[in-house]
Amino acid sequence: MFDVILKDSKGEKIKTIQCPVSFCGIGKARDNLVQLRGWKVSPHHAEITRSAAGLFIEDKTGRGRTLVNGEEIDNYGPLRSSDVIEIASYQISVGVAEKKQDASSDEIDFDITNGDYDDDDDDEDLRTMIGVPHHAVIEESEELSTTLINLQHNEKFK
């Protein structure tokens, strides 16, 4: 699971979208998890994919209209919390969603500004790269992720 933080051209946060599967489509089509508006946004503009090595972004337009840190990309990764993805007039950042250990709260808390989890634990390994933390165990959600990916793939190619 990871978070996609969507900002406008001025850097003001629009919303945070939680991606519960191993990939997240970005574009103006309805089947994207992150739907953007604008004539410069393609129906399937880009895709963020999670692997054991971290989060990676791929431009799906074929025209290099996806920027990371001001550079046109076809593929880029692993993404860090400090990387800024630009699509049309939107700025996008990614972060790992972590549940707090406090039993009274199920909130997800990630401070994208410095890439630090709000658990007062200074474990450097968890902050170095966005993606699956080194200590994470493959959960049942991986099976769900695969099922959802297959369903979406089958839906696209009916």
C-alpha atoms as a PDB file:
ATOM      1  CA  MET A   1       0.000   0.000   0.000  1.00  0.00           C
ATOM      2  CA  PHE A   2       1.265   3.485  -0.778  1.00  0.00           C
ATOM      3  CA  ASP A   3      -0.065   7.037  -0.863  1.00  0.00           C
ATOM      4  CA  VAL A   4      -0.217   9.351  -3.850  1.00  0.00           C
ATOM      5  CA  ILE A   5      -0.203  13.014  -2.811  1.00  0.00           C
ATOM      6  CA  LEU A   6      -1.783  15.259  -5.442  1.00  0.00           C
ATOM      7  CA  LYS A   7      -1.000  18.996  -5.546  1.00  0.00           C
ATOM      8  CA  ASP A   8      -1.961  21.826  -7.890  1.00  0.00           C
ATOM      9  CA  SER A   9       0.517  23.953  -9.873  1.00  0.00           C
ATOM     10  CA  LYS A  10       1.071  26.210  -6.839  1.00  0.00           C
ATOM     11  CA  GLY A  11       2.054  23.247  -4.660  1.00  0.00           C
ATOM     12  CA  GLU A  12      -1.150  23.313  -2.615  1.00  0.00           C
ATOM     13  CA  LYS A  13      -2.361  19.861  -1.611  1.00  0.00           C
ATOM     14  CA  ILE A  14      -5.548  18.781  -3.372  1.00  0.00           C
ATOM     15  CA  LYS A  15      -5.878  15.304  -1.856  1.00  0.00           C
ATOM     16  CA  THR A  16      -4.121  12.124  -0.813  1.00  0.00           C
ATOM     17  CA  ILE A  17      -5.134   8.902  -2.530  1.00  0.00           C
ATOM     18  CA  GLN A  18      -4.309   5.538  -1.025  1.00  0.00           C
ATOM     19  CA  CYS A  19      -3.297   2.827  -3.491  1.00  0.00           C
ATOM     20  CA  PRO A  20      -4.114  -0.570  -1.942  1.00  0.00           C
ATOM     21  CA  VAL A  21      -2.671  -2.611  -4.826  1.00  0.00           C
ATOM     22  CA  SER A  22       0.782  -2.847  -6.386  1.00  0.00           C
ATOM     23  CA  PHE A  23       0.104  -0.337  -9.174  1.00  0.00           C
ATOM     24  CA  CYS A  24      -1.687   2.965  -9.593  1.00  0.00           C
ATOM     25  CA  GLY A  25      -2.899   4.342 -12.915  1.00  0.00           C
ATOM     26  CA  ILE A  26      -2.821   8.105 -13.501  1.00  0.00           C
ATOM     27  CA  GLY A  27      -4.818   9.879 -16.202  1.00  0.00           C
ATOM     28  CA  LYS A  28      -8.253  11.159 -17.109  1.00  0.00           C
ATOM     29  CA  ALA A  29      -9.897   7.795 -17.859  1.00  0.00           C
ATOM     30  CA  ARG A  30     -12.343   6.469 -15.265  1.00  0.00           C
ATOM     31  CA  ASP A  31     -10.397   3.280 -14.649  1.00  0.00           C
ATOM     32  CA  ASN A  32      -7.423   5.202 -13.195  1.00  0.00           C
ATOM     33  CA  LEU A  33      -7.074   5.393  -9.434  1.00  0.00           C
ATOM     34  CA  VAL A  34      -5.744   8.959  -9.780  1.00  0.00           C
ATOM     35  CA  GLN A  35      -8.015  10.849 -12.158  1.00  0.00           C
ATOM     36  CA  LEU A  36      -6.758  14.175 -13.458  1.00  0.00           C
ATOM     37  CA  ARG A  37      -8.543  16.781 -15.548  1.00  0.00           C
ATOM     38  CA  GLY A  38      -7.121  18.833 -18.386  1.00  0.00           C
ATOM     39  CA  TRP A  39      -6.517  18.722 -22.090  1.00  0.00           C
ATOM     40  CA  LYS A  40      -2.812  17.958 -21.523  1.00  0.00           C
ATOM     41  CA  VAL A  41      -3.672  14.795 -19.552  1.00  0.00           C
ATOM     42  CA  SER A  42      -3.930  11.554 -21.535  1.00  0.00           C
ATOM     43  CA  PRO A  43      -6.571   8.933 -20.687  1.00  0.00           C
ATOM     44  CA  HIS A  44      -3.826   6.614 -19.396  1.00  0.00           C
ATOM     45  CA  HIS A  45      -0.987   9.049 -18.791  1.00  0.00           C
ATOM     46  CA  ALA A  46       1.311   7.227 -16.368  1.00  0.00           C
ATOM     47  CA  GLU A  47       1.472   4.302 -13.989  1.00  0.00           C
ATOM     48  CA  ILE A  48       3.204   3.913 -10.632  1.00  0.00           C
ATOM     49  CA  THR A  49       4.169   0.326  -9.837  1.00  0.00           C
ATOM     50  CA  ARG A  50       5.367  -1.109  -6.535  1.00  0.00           C
ATOM     51  CA  SER A  51       7.954  -3.873  -6.463  1.00  0.00           C
ATOM     52  CA  ALA A  52      10.359  -5.209  -3.872  1.00  0.00           C
ATOM     53  CA  ALA A  53      12.885  -2.601  -5.073  1.00  0.00           C
ATOM     54  CA  GLY A  54      10.512   0.341  -4.477  1.00  0.00           C
ATOM     55  CA  LEU A  55       8.081   2.464  -6.468  1.00  0.00           C
ATOM     56  CA  PHE A  56       8.637   3.083 -10.172  1.00  0.00           C
ATOM     57  CA  ILE A  57       6.794   5.367 -12.608  1.00  0.00           C
ATOM     58  CA  GLU A  58       6.283   4.753 -16.312  1.00  0.00           C
ATOM     59  CA  ASP A  59       5.050   7.269 -18.872  1.00  0.00           C
ATOM     60  CA  LYS A  60       2.242   5.628 -20.858  1.00  0.00           C
ATOM     61  CA  THR A  61       1.814   8.423 -23.436  1.00  0.00           C
ATOM     62  CA  GLY A  62       4.902   7.546 -25.451  1.00  0.00           C
ATOM     63  CA  ARG A  63       5.572  11.260 -25.854  1.00  0.00           C
ATOM     64  CA  GLY A  64       7.568  11.977 -22.686  1.00  0.00           C
ATOM     65  CA  ARG A  65       4.893  14.194 -21.178  1.00  0.00           C
ATOM     66  CA  THR A  66       5.616  12.952 -17.665  1.00  0.00           C
ATOM     67  CA  LEU A  67       8.325  14.800 -15.735  1.00  0.00           C
ATOM     68  CA  VAL A  68      10.169  13.766 -12.585  1.00  0.00           C
ATOM     69  CA  ASN A  69      12.130  16.558 -10.924  1.00  0.00           C
ATOM     70  CA  GLY A  70      11.816  18.614 -14.126  1.00  0.00           C
ATOM     71  CA  GLU A  71      13.218  15.907 -16.443  1.00  0.00           C
ATOM     72  CA  GLU A  72      11.147  14.093 -19.089  1.00  0.00           C
ATOM     73  CA  ILE A  73      11.030  10.364 -18.380  1.00  0.00           C
ATOM     74  CA  ASP A  74       9.868   7.140 -19.964  1.00  0.00           C
ATOM     75  CA  ASN A  75      10.635   5.086 -16.833  1.00  0.00           C
ATOM     76  CA  TYR A  76      11.993   6.290 -13.520  1.00  0.00           C
ATOM     77  CA  GLY A  77      12.670   4.781 -10.159  1.00  0.00           C
ATOM     78  CA  PRO A  78      12.911   3.949  -7.458  1.00  0.00           C
ATOM     79  CA  LEU A  79      10.956   7.027  -6.416  1.00  0.00           C
ATOM     80  CA  ARG A  80      11.845   8.873  -3.231  1.00  0.00           C
ATOM     81  CA  SER A  81       9.540  11.031  -1.127  1.00  0.00           C
ATOM     82  CA  SER A  82      11.428  14.116  -2.334  1.00  0.00           C
ATOM     83  CA  ASP A  83      10.764  13.360  -6.037  1.00  0.00           C
ATOM     84  CA  VAL A  84       8.140  15.532  -7.710  1.00  0.00           C
ATOM     85  CA  ILE A  85       6.176  14.027 -10.595  1.00  0.00           C
ATOM     86  CA  GLU A  86       4.660  16.603 -12.950  1.00  0.00           C
ATOM     87  CA  ILE A  87       1.732  15.823 -15.232  1.00  0.00           C
ATOM     88  CA  ALA A  88       0.117  18.819 -16.938  1.00  0.00           C
ATOM     89  CA  SER A  89      -0.405  21.360 -14.129  1.00  0.00           C
ATOM     90  CA  TYR A  90      -0.368  18.750 -11.344  1.00  0.00           C
ATOM     91  CA  GLN A  91       2.444  17.862  -8.951  1.00  0.00           C
ATOM     92  CA  ILE A  92       2.440  14.350  -7.531  1.00  0.00           C
ATOM     93  CA  SER A  93       4.488  12.833  -4.710  1.00  0.00           C
ATOM     94  CA  VAL A  94       4.414   9.351  -3.278  1.00  0.00           C
ATOM     95  CA  GLY A  95       4.804   7.967   0.220  1.00  0.00           C
ATOM     96  CA  VAL A  96       4.495   4.687   2.043  1.00  0.00           C
ATOM     97  CA  ALA A  97       1.310   4.390   4.074  1.00  0.00           C
ATOM     98  CA  GLU A  98       2.143   3.123   7.535  1.00  0.00           C
ATOM     99  CA  LYS A  99      -0.372   2.329  10.244  1.00  0.00           C
ATOM    100  CA  LYS A 100       0.306   3.740  13.681  1.00  0.00           C
ATOM    101  CA  GLN A 101       1.049   1.215  16.389  1.00  0.00           C
ATOM    102  CA  ASP A 102      -1.410   2.935  18.756  1.00  0.00           C
ATOM    103  CA  ALA A 103      -4.374   0.571  19.228  1.00  0.00           C
ATOM    104  CA  SER A 104      -6.768   3.488  19.646  1.00  0.00           C
ATOM    105  CA  SER A 105      -6.024   4.896  16.196  1.00  0.00           C
ATOM    106  CA  ASP A 106      -6.184   3.362  12.727  1.00  0.00           C
ATOM    107  CA  GLU A 107      -4.953   6.533  11.038  1.00  0.00           C
ATOM    108  CA  ILE A 108      -2.243   6.448   8.432  1.00  0.00           C
ATOM    109  CA  ASP A 109       0.399   9.062   9.078  1.00  0.00           C
ATOM    110  CA  PHE A 110       3.191   9.958   6.671  1.00  0.00           C
ATOM    111  CA  ASP A 111       4.985  13.286   6.557  1.00  0.00           C
ATOM    112  CA  ILE A 112       5.892  13.740   2.891  1.00  0.00           C
ATOM    113  CA  THR A 113       7.919  16.894   3.557  1.00  0.00           C
ATOM    114  CA  ASN A 114      10.901  15.070   4.988  1.00  0.00           C
ATOM    115  CA  GLY A 115      10.090  11.426   4.224  1.00  0.00           C
ATOM    116  CA  ASP A 116       9.868  10.547   7.904  1.00  0.00           C
ATOM    117  CA  TYR A 117       7.224   8.386   9.473  1.00  0.00           C
ATOM    118  CA  ASP A 118       5.525   9.970  12.441  1.00  0.00           C
ATOM    119  CA  ASP A 119       6.517   7.243  14.877  1.00  0.00           C
ATOM    120  CA  ASP A 120       9.560   8.982  16.424  1.00  0.00           C
ATOM    121  CA  ASP A 121      11.695   6.051  15.299  1.00  0.00           C
ATOM    122  CA  ASP A 122      14.888   7.150  13.588  1.00  0.00           C
ATOM    123  CA  ASP A 123      15.377   3.944  11.621  1.00  0.00           C
ATOM    124  CA  GLU A 124      17.239   5.200   8.540  1.00  0.00           C
ATOM    125  CA  ASP A 125      16.458   2.062   6.488  1.00  0.00           C
ATOM    126  CA  LEU A 126      12.745   2.865   6.474  1.00  0.00           C
ATOM    127  CA  ARG A 127      13.280   6.369   5.102  1.00  0.00           C
ATOM    128  CA  THR A 128      15.887   5.802   2.431  1.00  0.00           C
ATOM    129  CA  MET A 129      13.651   4.501  -0.304  1.00  0.00           C
ATOM    130  CA  ILE A 130       9.937   4.680  -0.952  1.00  0.00           C
ATOM    131  CA  GLY A 131       8.434   1.248  -1.430  1.00  0.00           C
ATOM    132  CA  VAL A 132       8.243  -1.841   0.664  1.00  0.00           C
ATOM    133  CA  PRO A 133      10.177  -1.407   3.957  1.00  0.00           C
ATOM    134  CA  HIS A 134      13.026  -3.882   4.412  1.00  0.00           C
ATOM    135  CA  HIS A 135      11.271  -5.640   7.271  1.00  0.00           C
ATOM    136  CA  ALA A 136       7.886  -5.947   5.551  1.00  0.00           C
ATOM    137  CA  VAL A 137       6.431  -9.385   5.019  1.00  0.00           C
ATOM    138  CA  ILE A 138       4.401 -10.188   1.922  1.00  0.00           C
ATOM    139  CA  GLU A 139       0.817  -9.997   3.077  1.00  0.00           C
ATOM    140  CA  GLU A 140      -2.439 -11.418   1.836  1.00  0.00           C
ATOM    141  CA  SER A 141      -2.922  -8.108   0.029  1.00  0.00           C
ATOM    142  CA  GLU A 142      -0.415  -9.294  -2.603  1.00  0.00           C
ATOM    143  CA  GLU A 143      -2.849 -12.008  -3.660  1.00  0.00           C
ATOM    144  CA  LEU A 144      -5.633  -9.424  -3.818  1.00  0.00           C
ATOM    145  CA  SER A 145      -3.364  -7.103  -5.814  1.00  0.00           C
ATOM    146  CA  THR A 146      -2.678  -9.804  -8.378  1.00  0.00           C
ATOM    147  CA  THR A 147      -6.383 -10.615  -8.679  1.00  0.00           C
ATOM    148  CA  LEU A 148      -7.300  -6.946  -9.184  1.00  0.00           C
ATOM    149  CA  ILE A 149      -4.541  -6.466 -11.769  1.00  0.00           C
ATOM    150  CA  ASN A 150      -5.759  -9.501 -13.707  1.00  0.00           C
ATOM    151  CA  LEU A 151      -9.363  -8.277 -13.589  1.00  0.00           C
ATOM    152  CA  GLN A 152      -8.391  -4.823 -14.853  1.00  0.00           C
ATOM    153  CA  HIS A 153      -6.207  -6.355 -17.574  1.00  0.00           C
ATOM    154  CA  ASN A 154      -9.069  -8.602 -18.706  1.00  0.00           C
ATOM    155  CA  GLU A 155     -11.484  -5.643 -18.686  1.00  0.00           C
ATOM    156  CA  LYS A 156      -9.154  -3.554 -20.900  1.00  0.00           C
ATOM    157  CA  PHE A 157      -8.757  -6.273 -23.522  1.00  0.00           C
ATOM    158  CA  LYS A 158     -12.318  -7.600 -23.876  1.00  0.00           C
END
